[in-house]
Amino acid sequence: MQKINRNVVLALLSLTSLVFLLFQLCYYKFYLSQKNGAAFSKVRGSQSGQDSTRWHVVRKFLGLISSHNIPVYLIDPLILGLINKDIEQIRSSPDGPSPECKYFCAPRDFTTFALLDKTWKHEVGLFRTAEKMGFQWLKIINKDPRLDGMDDLSGMEIPLHYIFKLASHAIHLVVFYERSGNFLWHGPLRLKQHMDRKFVPFRKLHFGRYPGAYEKPELLLVSIDDLKVQIPKNPSSFLEEMSHSRFLECRYREARAFFQLYPDDVSLDAVEFRKKAKSLLHLAALTLNNLGVKFWLSSGTCLGWYRQCNVIPHSKDVDLGIFIRDYKADIIPAFQKAGLPLKHKFGKVEDSLELSFQGEDDVKLDIFFFYEEDDHIWNGGTQAKSGKKFKYLFPKFTLCWTEFVELKVHVPCETLQYVEANYGPEWKVPVKTWDWKSSPFNVQDNGVWPIDEWDNVIQIY
């Protein structure tokens, strides 16, 4: 029997192994990957299988929501940041082919989309289709804060977040709700005890660490990486909003407890004052927002929001705070044009500036300007008849959004420290007699204005 050549045998074995390996690759690509969502994309320019997996998952998700007529829009900060650099080119060629997978193939664990609650109500069919496509999903619900002020409805739960997972990538779908102040709100992502905390790396999510408030975005339909998707028309504005979106809910439970101890004033005078104060606050917010001046609820108005979720009826004014760095010379003429005459102007831009405008009847608007030091923030006060100066010290704070009298407004995020600095540890107890020169816990003497400056720093109209 002729001896078999060893080299021939080795060559045949190598060829057989290669054919088997190619068969396995084809089987994975055209069967298993289609079933499990890990196929390589056909988008040109993908650098790796992992890159194309991200694109593939996004494509399948967009197909899923499209089949159920669910309008979503992209809010992923990493992708929007990339898009923003090319926004003019993308706007000018919305249907152009992508030469490479530049956006949805970018390294990340999630891709984040937004959904407006009122545009979709049919969950069951979506989840069934998602499962058939290979997605695993998770739904996060919690109490509807819009009903917290109503005892009989406060227990209702609403969906806040959905997560769809396929292969090694996940889609985070954030549900936005419209609030009475005509703005959009999303809730926090809080897992309940029975939920799988290893479903995805939740700490890497960009949305859900805290509630957020946003203006309603104008949307733009674009084609990126060969996928049609809606994005905020101005990505840079949305990203800026996102960085300052934290929202604080009014403390309804504490407010109810407060009114059990101190029954609310429902007299005709109190009701009328609150109506006028609400109207004045809305006008002030409109005026300052049109100027692009950031402001927050200060002094008694902030205390009323934090303590009782309402305007304090015996306060007789509306108080706002503005950082002096945001001061604009247009503020006074803008309020005058809005029908609010200047009542007094104390101090100057460099020191202790304070403005007061006359609202309807005896309701006035006080605007205090705040100055930042290394370890504290302060605003000033001036006694007109003596020229005495006062300084009110606060610990440093940041600004959060809230909803107050059907308005989206800022309050100090560190509200308790802010209120305690001004009103002391007994801030929960109503005080109807208040002397602005001596009653505040944080007031200090700050000298006297030189007489030759009085005409400039003490102006009463």
Protein backbone atom coordinates (compact mmCIF):
# COMPACT_ATOMS: atom_id res chain seq x y z
CA MET A 1 0.00 0.00 0.00
CA GLN A 2 1.36 3.36 -1.03
CA LYS A 3 2.49 5.50 1.92
CA ILE A 4 0.34 8.64 2.40
CA ASN A 5 2.25 11.89 2.14
CA ARG A 6 2.23 13.61 5.54
CA ASN A 7 2.18 17.08 4.02
CA VAL A 8 -0.92 16.26 1.97
CA VAL A 9 -2.76 15.10 5.08
CA LEU A 10 -1.85 18.23 6.97
CA ALA A 11 -2.99 20.38 4.05
CA LEU A 12 -6.34 18.57 3.86
CA LEU A 13 -6.88 18.97 7.60
CA SER A 14 -6.07 22.68 7.44
CA LEU A 15 -8.43 23.16 4.48
CA THR A 16 -11.22 21.31 6.31
CA SER A 17 -10.73 23.48 9.43
CA LEU A 18 -10.83 26.64 7.34
CA VAL A 19 -14.05 25.61 5.60
CA PHE A 20 -15.65 24.77 8.96
CA LEU A 21 -14.59 28.14 10.38
CA LEU A 22 -16.06 29.98 7.40
CA PHE A 23 -19.28 28.03 7.80
CA GLN A 24 -19.47 29.06 11.46
CA LEU A 25 -18.93 32.73 10.60
CA CYS A 26 -21.63 32.65 7.92
CA TYR A 27 -24.02 30.85 10.25
CA TYR A 28 -23.43 33.44 12.96
CA LYS A 29 -23.78 36.39 10.59
CA PHE A 30 -26.87 35.32 8.71
CA TYR A 31 -28.79 33.37 11.35
CA LEU A 32 -27.81 33.83 14.97
CA SER A 33 -26.98 37.51 14.62
CA GLN A 34 -30.35 38.23 13.01
CA LYS A 35 -32.07 36.48 15.87
CA ASN A 36 -30.07 38.03 18.71
CA GLY A 37 -29.42 41.49 17.29
CA ALA A 38 -25.64 41.36 16.95
CA ALA A 39 -25.30 41.61 13.17
CA PHE A 40 -22.61 43.72 11.56
CA SER A 41 -24.13 46.77 9.97
CA LYS A 42 -23.91 47.63 6.33
CA VAL A 43 -23.03 51.22 7.14
CA ARG A 44 -19.75 52.12 5.52
CA GLY A 45 -16.87 53.05 7.74
CA SER A 46 -17.68 50.91 10.79
CA GLN A 47 -14.45 50.17 12.61
CA SER A 48 -15.43 47.05 14.53
CA GLY A 49 -18.21 44.60 15.21
CA GLN A 50 -18.94 46.33 18.52
CA ASP A 51 -19.34 49.68 16.73
CA SER A 52 -21.81 48.24 14.25
CA THR A 53 -23.72 46.44 17.01
CA ARG A 54 -24.62 49.83 18.48
CA TRP A 55 -25.85 51.04 15.09
CA HIS A 56 -27.75 47.79 14.54
CA VAL A 57 -29.56 48.03 17.90
CA VAL A 58 -30.55 51.65 17.23
CA ARG A 59 -31.81 50.68 13.77
CA LYS A 60 -33.93 47.86 15.16
CA PHE A 61 -35.30 50.11 17.91
CA LEU A 62 -36.28 52.81 15.39
CA GLY A 63 -37.97 50.13 13.33
CA LEU A 64 -39.81 48.91 16.44
CA ILE A 65 -41.22 52.30 17.43
CA SER A 66 -41.98 53.19 13.81
CA SER A 67 -44.11 50.05 13.43
CA HIS A 68 -46.20 51.27 16.37
CA ASN A 69 -46.34 54.92 15.22
CA ILE A 70 -44.50 56.20 18.30
CA PRO A 71 -42.74 59.54 17.75
CA VAL A 72 -39.45 59.69 19.64
CA TYR A 73 -36.51 62.05 19.37
CA LEU A 74 -32.82 61.70 20.13
CA ILE A 75 -31.57 63.29 23.38
CA ASP A 76 -28.35 61.31 23.84
CA PRO A 77 -25.79 63.94 24.95
CA LEU A 78 -22.79 62.13 23.49
CA ILE A 79 -24.35 61.81 20.04
CA LEU A 80 -25.91 65.29 20.10
CA GLY A 81 -22.49 66.69 20.95
CA LEU A 82 -21.05 65.06 17.81
CA ILE A 83 -24.03 66.16 15.72
CA ASN A 84 -23.73 69.74 16.95
CA LYS A 85 -20.25 70.00 15.43
CA ASP A 86 -21.67 69.09 12.01
CA ILE A 87 -25.15 70.60 12.41
CA GLU A 88 -24.93 72.97 9.44
CA GLN A 89 -23.80 70.21 7.11
CA ILE A 90 -26.51 67.88 8.44
CA ARG A 91 -29.20 70.53 8.00
CA SER A 92 -28.12 71.29 4.44
CA SER A 93 -28.20 67.63 3.37
CA PRO A 94 -30.89 65.93 5.50
CA ASP A 95 -31.21 62.95 3.14
CA GLY A 96 -27.60 62.52 2.14
CA PRO A 97 -25.89 59.11 2.55
CA SER A 98 -23.37 58.71 5.36
CA PRO A 99 -19.83 57.96 4.17
CA GLU A 100 -19.10 56.36 7.54
CA CYS A 101 -20.81 55.37 10.77
CA LYS A 102 -19.83 58.47 12.69
CA TYR A 103 -22.54 59.03 15.30
CA PHE A 104 -24.40 55.88 16.30
CA CYS A 105 -21.18 53.84 16.22
CA ALA A 106 -19.54 56.10 18.82
CA PRO A 107 -18.47 54.20 21.97
CA ARG A 108 -21.19 54.20 24.66
CA ASP A 109 -23.31 51.75 26.65
CA PHE A 110 -26.66 53.40 25.91
CA THR A 111 -28.43 55.44 23.28
CA THR A 112 -31.02 57.78 24.78
CA PHE A 113 -34.32 58.85 23.23
CA ALA A 114 -37.27 60.88 24.53
CA LEU A 115 -40.98 60.16 24.29
CA LEU A 116 -43.81 62.62 24.95
CA ASP A 117 -46.37 60.82 27.09
CA LYS A 118 -49.43 62.25 25.38
CA THR A 119 -48.32 60.92 21.99
CA TRP A 120 -48.55 57.23 22.95
CA LYS A 121 -50.66 55.04 25.23
CA HIS A 122 -50.46 51.48 23.83
CA GLU A 123 -47.72 49.57 25.66
CA VAL A 124 -48.64 45.88 25.39
CA GLY A 125 -48.31 45.54 21.63
CA LEU A 126 -44.95 47.32 21.66
CA PHE A 127 -43.48 45.01 24.28
CA ARG A 128 -44.68 41.88 22.46
CA THR A 129 -43.11 43.06 19.24
CA ALA A 130 -39.93 44.02 21.07
CA GLU A 131 -39.61 40.53 22.52
CA LYS A 132 -40.10 38.96 19.09
CA MET A 133 -37.27 41.12 17.81
CA GLY A 134 -34.98 39.86 20.58
CA PHE A 135 -35.22 42.84 22.96
CA GLN A 136 -35.39 42.50 26.71
CA TRP A 137 -37.14 45.42 28.38
CA LEU A 138 -37.64 47.10 31.73
CA LYS A 139 -40.32 49.61 32.74
CA ILE A 140 -39.79 52.04 35.64
CA ILE A 141 -42.88 53.65 37.19
CA ASN A 142 -43.45 55.98 40.12
CA LYS A 143 -45.99 58.37 41.59
CA ASP A 144 -47.31 61.18 39.45
CA PRO A 145 -46.07 64.36 41.21
CA ARG A 146 -48.65 66.46 39.36
CA LEU A 147 -51.27 64.87 41.60
CA ASP A 148 -49.39 65.11 44.89
CA GLY A 149 -51.34 68.20 45.88
CA MET A 150 -54.56 66.17 45.69
CA ASP A 151 -54.94 63.71 48.56
CA ASP A 152 -57.28 61.35 46.74
CA LEU A 153 -55.10 61.06 43.62
CA SER A 154 -51.55 61.15 44.96
CA GLY A 155 -51.06 57.36 44.77
CA MET A 156 -51.36 57.05 40.98
CA GLU A 157 -48.23 55.78 39.24
CA ILE A 158 -47.01 56.68 35.78
CA PRO A 159 -44.26 55.26 33.51
CA LEU A 160 -41.08 57.34 33.74
CA HIS A 161 -38.41 55.32 31.94
CA TYR A 162 -38.15 52.34 29.60
CA ILE A 163 -34.99 50.39 28.84
CA PHE A 164 -34.70 48.06 25.84
CA LYS A 165 -31.65 45.79 25.77
CA LEU A 166 -30.36 43.85 22.77
CA ALA A 167 -27.00 42.12 22.52
CA SER A 168 -24.42 44.37 24.22
CA HIS A 169 -26.27 47.67 23.80
CA ALA A 170 -29.32 49.29 25.40
CA ILE A 171 -31.83 51.98 24.49
CA HIS A 172 -32.91 54.33 27.29
CA LEU A 173 -36.32 55.85 26.55
CA VAL A 174 -37.12 58.81 28.82
CA VAL A 175 -40.79 59.73 29.17
CA PHE A 176 -41.52 63.48 29.25
CA TYR A 177 -44.72 64.95 30.68
CA GLU A 178 -46.21 68.38 30.16
CA ARG A 179 -46.59 70.43 33.34
CA SER A 180 -49.03 73.25 34.00
CA GLY A 181 -46.29 75.81 33.46
CA ASN A 182 -46.21 74.73 29.79
CA PHE A 183 -42.86 72.97 30.13
CA LEU A 184 -41.67 69.36 29.94
CA TRP A 185 -40.68 67.28 32.95
CA HIS A 186 -39.12 63.86 33.39
CA GLY A 187 -38.96 61.91 36.63
CA PRO A 188 -36.10 60.17 38.42
CA LEU A 189 -35.13 56.58 37.75
CA ARG A 190 -35.64 54.69 41.00
CA LEU A 191 -35.55 50.90 40.90
CA LYS A 192 -38.02 49.04 43.09
CA GLN A 193 -36.85 46.17 45.29
CA HIS A 194 -37.86 43.35 42.94
CA MET A 195 -36.05 44.83 39.92
CA ASP A 196 -32.81 43.47 38.50
CA ARG A 197 -30.12 46.01 39.37
CA LYS A 198 -27.70 44.31 36.99
CA PHE A 199 -30.01 44.58 33.97
CA VAL A 200 -27.81 47.40 32.65
CA PRO A 201 -25.15 49.66 34.25
CA PHE A 202 -27.73 52.17 35.55
CA ARG A 203 -25.15 54.54 37.01
CA LYS A 204 -23.92 55.35 33.52
CA LEU A 205 -27.31 56.68 32.43
CA HIS A 206 -27.39 60.36 31.48
CA PHE A 207 -30.99 60.88 32.59
CA GLY A 208 -32.74 59.77 35.78
CA ARG A 209 -30.38 60.65 38.61
CA TYR A 210 -32.84 63.42 39.42
CA PRO A 211 -35.99 64.89 37.84
CA GLY A 212 -35.45 67.38 35.02
CA ALA A 213 -37.30 70.32 33.48
CA TYR A 214 -37.01 71.45 29.85
CA GLU A 215 -38.63 73.82 27.42
CA LYS A 216 -40.58 72.18 24.61
CA PRO A 217 -38.01 71.62 21.86
CA GLU A 218 -38.55 72.32 18.19
CA LEU A 219 -37.61 69.12 16.37
CA LEU A 220 -35.73 68.51 13.13
CA LEU A 221 -35.89 65.29 11.07
CA VAL A 222 -32.43 64.36 9.80
CA SER A 223 -30.61 61.41 8.29
CA ILE A 224 -27.44 60.39 10.12
CA ASP A 225 -25.54 57.15 9.62
CA ASP A 226 -28.25 56.18 7.10
CA LEU A 227 -30.95 56.35 9.80
CA LYS A 228 -33.85 58.80 9.91
CA VAL A 229 -34.20 60.34 13.36
CA GLN A 230 -35.65 63.44 14.99
CA ILE A 231 -33.32 65.65 17.01
CA PRO A 232 -33.71 69.01 18.83
CA LYS A 233 -33.39 71.69 16.15
CA ASN A 234 -30.75 73.44 18.24
CA PRO A 235 -28.64 70.68 19.86
CA SER A 236 -26.35 73.13 21.68
CA SER A 237 -29.32 74.79 23.42
CA PHE A 238 -30.66 71.41 24.49
CA LEU A 239 -27.28 70.35 25.85
CA GLU A 240 -27.03 73.62 27.78
CA GLU A 241 -30.52 73.03 29.21
CA MET A 242 -29.54 69.52 30.19
CA SER A 243 -26.59 70.74 32.25
CA HIS A 244 -28.94 72.89 34.36
CA SER A 245 -32.13 70.83 34.26
CA ARG A 246 -32.41 69.55 37.83
CA PHE A 247 -35.96 69.91 39.15
CA LEU A 248 -37.22 70.14 42.75
CA GLU A 249 -40.79 69.18 43.51
CA CYS A 250 -42.82 71.26 45.92
CA ARG A 251 -43.03 69.55 49.35
CA TYR A 252 -46.77 68.88 49.39
CA ARG A 253 -46.70 66.52 52.36
CA GLU A 254 -44.86 69.04 54.52
CA ALA A 255 -47.20 71.80 53.32
CA ARG A 256 -50.24 69.80 54.45
CA ALA A 257 -48.61 69.25 57.84
CA PHE A 258 -47.92 72.99 58.09
CA PHE A 259 -51.54 73.90 57.40
CA GLN A 260 -52.71 71.45 60.06
CA LEU A 261 -50.77 73.51 62.59
CA TYR A 262 -51.41 76.89 61.03
CA PRO A 263 -54.68 76.93 59.06
CA ASP A 264 -54.42 78.69 55.74
CA ASP A 265 -55.72 82.22 55.40
CA VAL A 266 -58.66 81.95 53.01
CA SER A 267 -60.03 85.42 53.61
CA LEU A 268 -61.07 87.55 50.65
CA ASP A 269 -58.01 89.79 51.12
CA ALA A 270 -55.65 86.80 51.17
CA VAL A 271 -57.22 85.25 48.08
CA GLU A 272 -57.06 88.58 46.24
CA PHE A 273 -53.42 89.17 47.21
CA ARG A 274 -52.36 85.71 46.03
CA LYS A 275 -54.13 86.31 42.72
CA LYS A 276 -52.29 89.61 42.23
CA ALA A 277 -48.96 88.13 43.36
CA LYS A 278 -49.33 85.26 40.88
CA SER A 279 -50.09 87.69 38.07
CA LEU A 280 -47.11 89.87 39.03
CA LEU A 281 -44.76 86.88 39.18
CA HIS A 282 -45.87 85.70 35.74
CA LEU A 283 -45.29 89.17 34.29
CA ALA A 284 -41.88 89.44 35.96
CA ALA A 285 -40.85 86.00 34.67
CA LEU A 286 -41.93 86.87 31.14
CA THR A 287 -40.01 90.14 31.25
CA LEU A 288 -36.79 88.65 32.61
CA ASN A 289 -36.95 85.58 30.37
CA ASN A 290 -37.32 87.82 27.32
CA LEU A 291 -34.16 89.60 28.43
CA GLY A 292 -32.35 86.31 29.01
CA VAL A 293 -31.79 87.17 32.70
CA LYS A 294 -31.71 84.20 35.08
CA PHE A 295 -33.58 84.75 38.36
CA TRP A 296 -34.90 82.76 41.31
CA LEU A 297 -37.52 82.96 44.06
CA SER A 298 -35.97 84.74 47.02
CA SER A 299 -36.81 85.84 50.58
CA GLY A 300 -40.49 85.45 51.51
CA THR A 301 -41.51 84.13 48.10
CA CYS A 302 -38.96 81.32 48.38
CA LEU A 303 -40.08 80.61 51.95
CA GLY A 304 -43.70 80.38 50.80
CA TRP A 305 -42.79 77.86 48.09
CA TYR A 306 -40.67 75.72 50.41
CA ARG A 307 -42.90 75.81 53.47
CA GLN A 308 -46.45 75.86 52.12
CA CYS A 309 -46.27 75.53 48.31
CA ASN A 310 -47.98 78.88 47.94
CA VAL A 311 -47.60 82.62 48.27
CA ILE A 312 -47.55 83.84 51.89
CA PRO A 313 -50.62 86.11 51.99
CA HIS A 314 -49.30 88.58 54.58
CA SER A 315 -45.99 89.15 52.76
CA LYS A 316 -47.47 91.88 50.51
CA ASP A 317 -44.74 91.57 47.86
CA VAL A 318 -42.97 89.26 45.42
CA ASP A 319 -39.22 88.71 45.95
CA LEU A 320 -36.75 87.65 43.26
CA GLY A 321 -32.98 87.18 43.28
CA ILE A 322 -30.52 87.79 40.42
CA PHE A 323 -26.75 87.35 40.38
CA ILE A 324 -25.10 90.70 39.74
CA ARG A 325 -23.13 89.12 36.89
CA ASP A 326 -26.46 88.74 35.07
CA TYR A 327 -27.47 92.37 35.51
CA LYS A 328 -28.53 94.20 32.35
CA ALA A 329 -29.21 97.91 31.97
CA ASP A 330 -32.36 96.96 30.03
CA ILE A 331 -34.06 95.58 33.15
CA ILE A 332 -35.57 98.87 34.36
CA PRO A 333 -36.93 100.04 30.98
CA ALA A 334 -38.24 96.53 30.24
CA PHE A 335 -40.31 96.48 33.45
CA GLN A 336 -41.53 100.01 32.85
CA LYS A 337 -42.61 99.01 29.34
CA ALA A 338 -44.45 96.04 30.89
CA GLY A 339 -46.47 98.48 32.99
CA LEU A 340 -44.51 98.24 36.25
CA PRO A 341 -43.13 101.66 37.24
CA LEU A 342 -39.89 101.86 39.24
CA LYS A 343 -40.68 102.43 42.93
CA HIS A 344 -37.11 102.74 44.19
CA LYS A 345 -33.53 102.00 43.24
CA PHE A 346 -30.99 101.52 46.04
CA GLY A 347 -27.27 100.95 45.72
CA LYS A 348 -25.30 100.62 42.50
CA VAL A 349 -24.15 97.81 40.26
CA GLU A 350 -20.83 97.59 42.11
CA ASP A 351 -22.44 97.43 45.56
CA SER A 352 -25.81 96.49 47.11
CA LEU A 353 -28.05 97.04 44.09
CA GLU A 354 -31.77 96.61 44.77
CA LEU A 355 -34.78 97.45 42.59
CA SER A 356 -38.46 97.70 43.48
CA PHE A 357 -41.34 97.98 41.00
CA GLN A 358 -44.94 98.83 41.73
CA GLY A 359 -47.48 96.20 40.76
CA GLU A 360 -51.26 96.26 40.93
CA ASP A 361 -52.59 98.19 43.95
CA ASP A 362 -50.17 97.80 46.88
CA VAL A 363 -48.38 94.66 45.61
CA LYS A 364 -44.74 95.33 44.71
CA LEU A 365 -41.93 93.42 43.08
CA ASP A 366 -38.56 93.48 44.86
CA ILE A 367 -35.45 92.36 42.98
CA PHE A 368 -32.32 91.73 45.02
CA PHE A 369 -28.94 91.43 43.33
CA PHE A 370 -26.51 88.92 44.79
CA TYR A 371 -22.71 89.21 44.95
CA GLU A 372 -20.39 86.20 45.08
CA GLU A 373 -17.39 86.00 47.41
CA ASP A 374 -14.95 83.12 47.89
CA ASP A 375 -16.94 81.40 50.63
CA HIS A 376 -20.39 83.03 50.62
CA ILE A 377 -22.96 85.01 48.65
CA TRP A 378 -24.63 88.21 49.81
CA ASN A 379 -27.15 90.85 48.87
CA GLY A 380 -27.44 94.37 50.21
CA GLY A 381 -30.07 96.63 51.72
CA THR A 382 -30.30 100.38 52.17
CA GLN A 383 -32.28 102.52 54.65
CA ALA A 384 -33.41 105.56 52.67
CA LYS A 385 -33.73 108.08 55.50
CA SER A 386 -30.32 107.40 57.09
CA GLY A 387 -28.20 106.00 54.24
CA LYS A 388 -27.36 102.96 56.39
CA LYS A 389 -26.23 99.87 54.50
CA PHE A 390 -27.00 96.27 55.42
CA LYS A 391 -25.63 92.99 54.15
CA TYR A 392 -27.40 89.58 54.11
CA LEU A 393 -25.06 86.58 53.98
CA PHE A 394 -25.96 83.20 52.43
CA PRO A 395 -23.98 79.98 51.99
CA LYS A 396 -23.11 79.33 48.36
CA PHE A 397 -25.89 77.71 46.36
CA THR A 398 -26.79 76.49 42.90
CA LEU A 399 -30.08 76.84 41.05
CA CYS A 400 -32.75 74.23 40.33
CA TRP A 401 -36.08 74.41 38.55
CA THR A 402 -39.45 74.06 40.23
CA GLU A 403 -43.11 74.68 39.46
CA PHE A 404 -44.76 77.48 41.41
CA VAL A 405 -48.18 79.06 40.76
CA GLU A 406 -48.24 77.34 37.35
CA LEU A 407 -44.84 78.71 36.40
CA LYS A 408 -41.44 77.15 35.76
CA VAL A 409 -39.02 79.11 37.93
CA HIS A 410 -35.66 78.71 39.66
CA VAL A 411 -35.10 78.21 43.37
CA PRO A 412 -31.85 77.56 45.25
CA CYS A 413 -31.15 73.80 45.08
CA GLU A 414 -29.91 74.00 48.67
CA THR A 415 -33.23 75.50 49.70
CA LEU A 416 -33.16 74.55 53.38
CA GLN A 417 -29.77 76.19 53.95
CA TYR A 418 -30.94 79.25 52.01
CA VAL A 419 -34.16 79.60 54.03
CA GLU A 420 -32.43 78.91 57.36
CA ALA A 421 -29.78 81.54 56.64
CA ASN A 422 -32.51 84.13 56.18
CA TYR A 423 -35.16 83.01 58.68
CA GLY A 424 -33.28 80.91 61.21
CA PRO A 425 -34.11 77.47 62.63
CA GLU A 426 -37.70 78.51 63.41
CA TRP A 427 -38.57 79.21 59.79
CA LYS A 428 -41.54 76.84 60.01
CA VAL A 429 -43.32 79.19 62.42
CA PRO A 430 -45.19 82.05 60.67
CA VAL A 431 -44.06 85.55 61.64
CA LYS A 432 -46.36 88.42 60.66
CA THR A 433 -44.22 91.22 62.11
CA TRP A 434 -40.93 91.40 60.22
CA ASP A 435 -38.31 94.15 60.28
CA TRP A 436 -35.97 93.78 57.32
CA LYS A 437 -33.21 95.64 59.20
CA SER A 438 -33.12 93.41 62.28
CA SER A 439 -35.31 90.30 61.93
CA PRO A 440 -33.25 88.30 59.37
CA PHE A 441 -30.75 85.92 60.96
CA ASN A 442 -28.13 86.74 58.34
CA VAL A 443 -28.24 90.56 58.48
CA GLN A 444 -25.10 92.58 59.19
CA ASP A 445 -24.38 96.31 59.36
CA ASN A 446 -22.44 97.35 56.29
CA GLY A 447 -21.58 100.98 56.95
CA VAL A 448 -23.24 104.11 55.58
CA TRP A 449 -23.41 105.50 52.07
CA PRO A 450 -21.35 108.70 51.70
CA ILE A 451 -23.68 111.70 51.55
CA ASP A 452 -22.24 112.82 48.22
CA GLU A 453 -23.45 109.51 46.69
CA TRP A 454 -27.03 109.64 48.01
CA ASP A 455 -28.49 111.10 44.83
CA ASN A 456 -27.15 108.11 42.93
CA VAL A 457 -27.65 105.25 45.43
CA ILE A 458 -30.93 106.31 47.06
CA GLN A 459 -33.54 106.96 44.39
CA ILE A 460 -37.25 106.94 45.34
CA TYR A 461 -40.03 107.53 42.84
